[in-house]
Amino acid sequence: MSHWILASQTIEALRAEARHRTPNELGNSGFFDSLRCFQEAFVFYVCSLLQTLEDWYPEKVKETACLFLKRCYLHRSVAEDDPRCMLLAAVYAACKASEQHVSAAELVRHVARCAAALPPDAPLTASVKALADCSADDIVRHEVRLLEALRFELHVARPGRALLGLWQHAQTSCAEFAAAPAAVRDLVWDEARQELDRRLQLTDAALLTTPSLLAVACLTDAARGSALEAPLQRVVRCAAAAAGGGDGAEVGGDIAAQAPAEAAAAADAGGRHERLEQMLLRAQAAAAAVERHWQQQAAAAIADQ
């Protein structure tokens, strides 16, 4: 939807407005940005675990849940709610939007099963176990807040679907592309999928550009230097001309330039889990601070009565 494609200045203004609704004692803007970046990356990790251990969470659920969180945190501060429950609410709503029918209670059981299957010393094991502490009622309550932030709009144009469509179009419309060795095509496809996942998790690319342009950027970056680079550029140019656009080969690798500094640092493959773990500690601290704040507010309201 075009109204979810925003300028970077608008994104920052919306996030700043949402932060102003959060008590100052909970942290500064960098703290909340770290927590938000962690949430957007951690939901990918959780959905990947669910994909591995359960059959009800296809790729489309992972993308949709991540996009729901990104859109939600344009209008709600990440510290306004329990981050764990909001993450599961995004997965729960994504299952509904993707027609994967899972109840909130089933989702909690599936997360608990994933947590039990992880080695105790595996990265983020404690984080996954903490998710299992959320109840079905918690998820449903946070789903309402999520839907309000999404303006009750559950339709998502997924970049993954656009990427698959572009890939299939290239294979059927370009003989040179289809004739490339299968090993080369498999390598480029895997790299394009990984690049898309990185940009969805760690950047604002999905809020800055359309799914089709993001798909072109990921695929052209993945094909650079391979036997598929030239034929893919011709396919993109023809598709852009047919759609009345400009030179499609020029869209590209700088779309991810708007990544926040915290997320860009997390993109390093060697230290990614360690960086996420550090962000998690900040997230847990934020969640505890938020819980204490609202408990104090509730106690004060009762005392006034």
Protein backbone atom coordinates (compact mmCIF):
# COMPACT_ATOMS: atom_id res chain seq x y z
CA MET A 1 0.00 0.00 0.00
CA SER A 2 1.48 3.33 -1.12
CA HIS A 3 0.66 5.16 2.12
CA TRP A 4 3.05 2.80 3.95
CA ILE A 5 5.92 3.94 1.69
CA LEU A 6 7.41 6.98 3.41
CA ALA A 7 10.35 9.34 3.27
CA SER A 8 13.08 8.73 5.84
CA GLN A 9 12.35 12.09 7.48
CA THR A 10 8.69 11.12 7.90
CA ILE A 11 9.64 7.78 9.45
CA GLU A 12 11.90 9.48 11.99
CA ALA A 13 9.25 12.10 12.77
CA LEU A 14 6.60 9.43 13.42
CA ARG A 15 8.96 7.46 15.66
CA ALA A 16 9.93 10.59 17.56
CA GLU A 17 6.26 11.40 18.14
CA ALA A 18 5.64 7.87 19.43
CA ARG A 19 8.65 8.14 21.78
CA HIS A 20 7.22 11.30 23.31
CA ARG A 21 4.38 9.21 24.75
CA THR A 22 6.92 7.17 26.72
CA PRO A 23 8.06 8.34 30.18
CA ASN A 24 11.52 9.93 30.03
CA GLU A 25 12.89 7.75 32.82
CA LEU A 26 12.59 4.64 30.62
CA GLY A 27 15.50 5.66 28.41
CA ASN A 28 16.71 7.89 25.59
CA SER A 29 16.00 7.66 21.87
CA GLY A 30 19.05 5.46 21.22
CA PHE A 31 17.82 2.99 23.80
CA PHE A 32 14.42 2.72 22.14
CA ASP A 33 15.97 2.46 18.68
CA SER A 34 18.06 -0.48 19.90
CA LEU A 35 14.97 -2.18 21.30
CA ARG A 36 13.00 -1.61 18.10
CA CYS A 37 15.83 -2.90 15.90
CA PHE A 38 16.09 -5.97 18.08
CA GLN A 39 12.36 -6.65 17.84
CA GLU A 40 12.41 -6.45 14.04
CA ALA A 41 15.34 -8.87 13.83
CA PHE A 42 14.21 -11.19 16.62
CA VAL A 43 10.81 -11.83 15.02
CA PHE A 44 12.69 -13.29 12.03
CA TYR A 45 14.67 -15.54 14.35
CA VAL A 46 11.55 -16.74 16.17
CA CYS A 47 9.65 -17.41 12.94
CA SER A 48 12.64 -19.30 11.55
CA LEU A 49 12.56 -21.53 14.63
CA LEU A 50 8.83 -22.08 14.20
CA GLN A 51 9.41 -22.96 10.54
CA THR A 52 11.97 -25.56 11.56
CA LEU A 53 9.96 -27.22 14.32
CA GLU A 54 6.38 -26.69 13.16
CA ASP A 55 4.60 -26.95 9.79
CA TRP A 56 2.24 -24.00 10.24
CA TYR A 57 4.60 -21.04 9.74
CA PRO A 58 5.61 -20.59 6.08
CA GLU A 59 7.93 -17.85 4.81
CA LYS A 60 5.05 -15.46 4.22
CA VAL A 61 4.24 -15.42 7.95
CA LYS A 62 7.80 -14.34 8.78
CA GLU A 63 7.80 -11.46 6.29
CA THR A 64 4.31 -10.32 7.27
CA ALA A 65 5.08 -10.36 11.00
CA CYS A 66 8.21 -8.27 10.46
CA LEU A 67 6.32 -5.73 8.33
CA PHE A 68 3.54 -5.55 10.92
CA LEU A 69 6.08 -4.69 13.64
CA LYS A 70 7.78 -2.07 11.45
CA ARG A 71 4.44 -0.40 10.73
CA CYS A 72 3.26 -0.70 14.32
CA TYR A 73 6.35 1.05 15.68
CA LEU A 74 5.69 4.03 13.46
CA HIS A 75 2.66 4.81 15.64
CA ARG A 76 3.48 3.18 18.99
CA SER A 77 6.61 3.40 21.05
CA VAL A 78 8.31 0.06 21.48
CA ALA A 79 8.22 0.64 25.25
CA GLU A 80 4.47 1.29 25.45
CA ASP A 81 3.78 -2.44 25.59
CA ASP A 82 5.46 -5.66 26.64
CA PRO A 83 7.89 -6.24 23.71
CA ARG A 84 7.59 -10.03 24.05
CA CYS A 85 3.81 -10.05 23.80
CA MET A 86 3.78 -7.50 20.97
CA LEU A 87 6.18 -9.70 18.98
CA LEU A 88 3.95 -12.75 19.42
CA ALA A 89 0.89 -10.64 18.60
CA ALA A 90 2.57 -9.71 15.30
CA VAL A 91 3.19 -13.40 14.53
CA TYR A 92 -0.39 -14.25 15.53
CA ALA A 93 -1.85 -11.51 13.31
CA ALA A 94 0.50 -12.51 10.48
CA CYS A 95 -0.82 -16.07 10.65
CA LYS A 96 -4.36 -14.73 10.25
CA ALA A 97 -3.40 -12.44 7.38
CA SER A 98 -1.59 -15.34 5.68
CA GLU A 99 -4.52 -17.75 6.23
CA GLN A 100 -2.45 -19.97 8.52
CA HIS A 101 -5.00 -20.64 11.23
CA VAL A 102 -3.24 -20.91 14.60
CA SER A 103 -4.86 -20.05 17.92
CA ALA A 104 -3.05 -17.89 20.46
CA ALA A 105 -2.80 -20.85 22.84
CA GLU A 106 -1.30 -23.01 20.08
CA LEU A 107 1.23 -20.31 19.27
CA VAL A 108 2.36 -20.19 22.90
CA ARG A 109 2.72 -23.99 22.94
CA HIS A 110 4.71 -23.93 19.70
CA VAL A 111 7.07 -21.27 21.05
CA ALA A 112 7.54 -23.27 24.27
CA ARG A 113 8.34 -26.35 22.18
CA CYS A 114 10.92 -24.37 20.21
CA ALA A 115 12.49 -23.08 23.42
CA ALA A 116 12.68 -26.61 24.87
CA ALA A 117 14.39 -27.89 21.70
CA LEU A 118 17.16 -25.26 21.80
CA PRO A 119 20.49 -26.08 23.50
CA PRO A 120 20.82 -24.13 26.75
CA ASP A 121 23.94 -22.33 25.51
CA ALA A 122 22.55 -21.47 22.05
CA PRO A 123 22.29 -17.76 21.17
CA LEU A 124 19.00 -16.18 22.26
CA THR A 125 17.73 -19.36 23.99
CA ALA A 126 16.79 -17.37 27.08
CA SER A 127 15.00 -14.84 24.89
CA VAL A 128 12.85 -17.51 23.23
CA LYS A 129 12.03 -19.03 26.61
CA ALA A 130 10.94 -15.60 27.84
CA LEU A 131 8.42 -15.43 25.01
CA ALA A 132 6.78 -18.59 26.29
CA ASP A 133 5.88 -16.73 29.50
CA CYS A 134 3.27 -14.75 27.55
CA SER A 135 -0.24 -16.15 27.87
CA ALA A 136 -2.83 -16.48 25.13
CA ASP A 137 -4.76 -13.61 26.75
CA ASP A 138 -1.63 -11.44 26.64
CA ILE A 139 -1.26 -12.10 22.92
CA VAL A 140 -4.90 -11.29 22.15
CA ARG A 141 -4.75 -8.09 24.23
CA HIS A 142 -1.61 -6.93 22.44
CA GLU A 143 -3.09 -7.91 19.08
CA VAL A 144 -5.76 -5.25 19.58
CA ARG A 145 -3.09 -2.61 20.17
CA LEU A 146 -1.17 -3.85 17.14
CA LEU A 147 -4.25 -3.63 14.92
CA GLU A 148 -4.97 -0.10 16.13
CA ALA A 149 -1.43 0.93 15.18
CA LEU A 150 -1.86 -0.75 11.79
CA ARG A 151 -5.15 1.13 11.31
CA PHE A 152 -6.74 -2.35 11.02
CA GLU A 153 -5.05 -2.82 7.66
CA LEU A 154 -3.77 -6.39 7.38
CA HIS A 155 -2.98 -6.51 3.67
CA VAL A 156 0.76 -6.69 3.03
CA ALA A 157 2.49 -6.66 -0.35
CA ARG A 158 5.42 -8.93 0.47
CA PRO A 159 8.84 -8.28 -1.10
CA GLY A 160 9.44 -12.04 -1.07
CA ARG A 161 6.55 -12.60 -3.41
CA ALA A 162 7.82 -9.84 -5.72
CA LEU A 163 11.28 -11.43 -5.67
CA LEU A 164 9.88 -14.83 -6.62
CA GLY A 165 7.79 -13.28 -9.40
CA LEU A 166 10.80 -11.45 -10.84
CA TRP A 167 12.88 -14.64 -10.68
CA GLN A 168 10.23 -16.70 -12.47
CA HIS A 169 9.75 -13.97 -15.08
CA ALA A 170 13.50 -13.92 -15.78
CA GLN A 171 13.58 -17.69 -16.24
CA THR A 172 10.66 -17.77 -18.65
CA SER A 173 11.37 -14.61 -20.66
CA CYS A 174 15.17 -14.75 -21.07
CA ALA A 175 16.76 -17.78 -22.72
CA GLU A 176 20.26 -16.74 -21.62
CA PHE A 177 19.11 -16.52 -18.00
CA ALA A 178 17.42 -19.93 -18.14
CA ALA A 179 20.46 -21.50 -19.84
CA ALA A 180 22.86 -20.52 -17.07
CA PRO A 181 24.21 -23.43 -15.00
CA ALA A 182 21.82 -24.56 -12.31
CA ALA A 183 24.52 -24.15 -9.66
CA VAL A 184 24.91 -20.47 -10.59
CA ARG A 185 21.17 -19.86 -10.55
CA ASP A 186 20.80 -21.59 -7.18
CA LEU A 187 23.64 -19.55 -5.71
CA VAL A 188 22.21 -16.25 -6.95
CA TRP A 189 18.72 -17.13 -5.71
CA ASP A 190 19.98 -18.09 -2.25
CA GLU A 191 22.01 -14.88 -2.01
CA ALA A 192 19.03 -12.79 -3.16
CA ARG A 193 16.81 -14.38 -0.49
CA GLN A 194 19.44 -13.78 2.18
CA GLU A 195 19.90 -10.18 1.04
CA LEU A 196 16.15 -9.61 1.20
CA ASP A 197 16.01 -11.07 4.71
CA ARG A 198 18.89 -8.83 5.81
CA ARG A 199 17.22 -5.70 4.46
CA LEU A 200 13.85 -6.59 5.99
CA GLN A 201 15.38 -7.33 9.39
CA LEU A 202 18.03 -4.69 9.68
CA THR A 203 16.95 -1.69 7.61
CA ASP A 204 13.94 0.50 6.88
CA ALA A 205 13.99 -0.51 3.20
CA ALA A 206 10.46 -1.99 3.33
CA LEU A 207 9.16 1.40 4.54
CA LEU A 208 11.20 3.42 2.05
CA THR A 209 10.49 1.71 -1.26
CA THR A 210 7.98 -0.59 -2.97
CA PRO A 211 8.25 -4.39 -2.72
CA SER A 212 9.02 -4.69 -6.44
CA LEU A 213 11.93 -2.22 -6.30
CA LEU A 214 13.28 -3.90 -3.18
CA ALA A 215 13.12 -7.26 -4.97
CA VAL A 216 14.99 -5.84 -7.99
CA ALA A 217 17.65 -4.35 -5.71
CA CYS A 218 18.24 -7.65 -3.90
CA LEU A 219 18.34 -9.73 -7.07
CA THR A 220 20.63 -7.38 -9.00
CA ASP A 221 23.00 -7.19 -6.03
CA ALA A 222 23.05 -10.99 -5.74
CA ALA A 223 23.73 -11.43 -9.48
CA ARG A 224 26.53 -8.85 -9.64
CA GLY A 225 29.69 -10.41 -11.05
CA SER A 226 27.97 -13.66 -12.07
CA ALA A 227 26.88 -15.03 -15.44
CA LEU A 228 23.34 -13.84 -14.62
CA GLU A 229 24.21 -10.16 -14.23
CA ALA A 230 23.86 -9.08 -17.88
CA PRO A 231 20.70 -11.09 -18.72
CA LEU A 232 19.05 -9.98 -15.49
CA GLN A 233 19.75 -6.33 -16.27
CA ARG A 234 18.08 -6.77 -19.65
CA VAL A 235 15.06 -8.42 -18.03
CA VAL A 236 14.76 -5.57 -15.50
CA ARG A 237 15.08 -2.88 -18.19
CA CYS A 238 12.39 -4.55 -20.33
CA ALA A 239 10.07 -4.95 -17.34
CA ALA A 240 10.59 -1.30 -16.31
CA ALA A 241 9.96 -0.09 -19.87
CA ALA A 242 6.80 -2.20 -20.13
CA ALA A 243 5.56 -0.69 -16.88
CA GLY A 244 6.32 2.83 -18.09
CA GLY A 245 9.19 3.33 -15.66
CA GLY A 246 12.78 4.37 -16.13
CA ASP A 247 15.91 2.28 -16.40
CA GLY A 248 15.25 -0.54 -13.96
CA ALA A 249 18.92 -1.50 -13.82
CA GLU A 250 19.63 1.71 -11.96
CA VAL A 251 17.57 0.81 -8.92
CA GLY A 252 19.84 -0.93 -6.64
CA GLY A 253 22.29 -1.38 -3.94
CA ASP A 254 21.90 1.87 -2.05
CA ILE A 255 18.28 1.26 -0.96
CA ALA A 256 19.55 -0.08 2.35
CA ALA A 257 21.52 3.11 3.04
CA GLN A 258 18.85 4.30 5.48
CA ALA A 259 19.66 1.52 7.97
CA PRO A 260 19.96 2.73 11.55
CA ALA A 261 23.49 2.57 12.95
CA GLU A 262 22.53 -0.09 15.49
CA ALA A 263 21.04 -2.33 12.81
CA ALA A 264 23.94 -1.81 10.41
CA ALA A 265 26.35 -3.01 13.08
CA ALA A 266 24.19 -6.10 13.64
CA ALA A 267 24.47 -7.02 9.96
CA ASP A 268 28.02 -8.28 10.38
CA ALA A 269 27.70 -12.06 9.99
CA GLY A 270 30.43 -12.95 12.44
CA GLY A 271 29.02 -10.99 15.38
CA ARG A 272 25.33 -10.93 14.56
CA HIS A 273 24.10 -13.20 17.33
CA GLU A 274 26.30 -11.48 19.88
CA ARG A 275 25.02 -8.08 18.79
CA LEU A 276 21.42 -9.25 18.97
CA GLU A 277 22.08 -10.65 22.44
CA GLN A 278 23.34 -7.25 23.59
CA MET A 279 20.25 -5.61 22.11
CA LEU A 280 18.12 -8.20 23.88
CA LEU A 281 19.57 -7.24 27.26
CA ARG A 282 18.55 -3.66 26.55
CA ALA A 283 15.12 -4.87 25.47
CA GLN A 284 14.65 -6.87 28.66
CA ALA A 285 15.67 -3.85 30.72
CA ALA A 286 13.18 -1.70 28.81
CA ALA A 287 10.39 -4.23 29.29
CA ALA A 288 11.09 -4.38 33.05
CA ALA A 289 11.16 -0.59 33.28
CA VAL A 290 7.88 -0.33 31.37
CA GLU A 291 6.25 -2.93 33.63
CA ARG A 292 7.40 -1.14 36.79
CA HIS A 293 6.15 2.19 35.47
CA TRP A 294 2.66 0.96 34.68
CA GLN A 295 2.44 -0.95 37.97
CA GLN A 296 3.24 2.27 39.80
CA GLN A 297 0.61 4.11 37.76
CA ALA A 298 -2.00 1.47 38.60
CA ALA A 299 -1.11 1.57 42.30
CA ALA A 300 -1.39 5.37 42.32
CA ALA A 301 -4.81 5.20 40.64
CA ILE A 302 -6.05 2.72 43.25
CA ALA A 303 -4.70 4.88 46.07
CA ASP A 304 -6.51 7.94 44.69
CA GLN A 305 -9.79 6.03 44.79
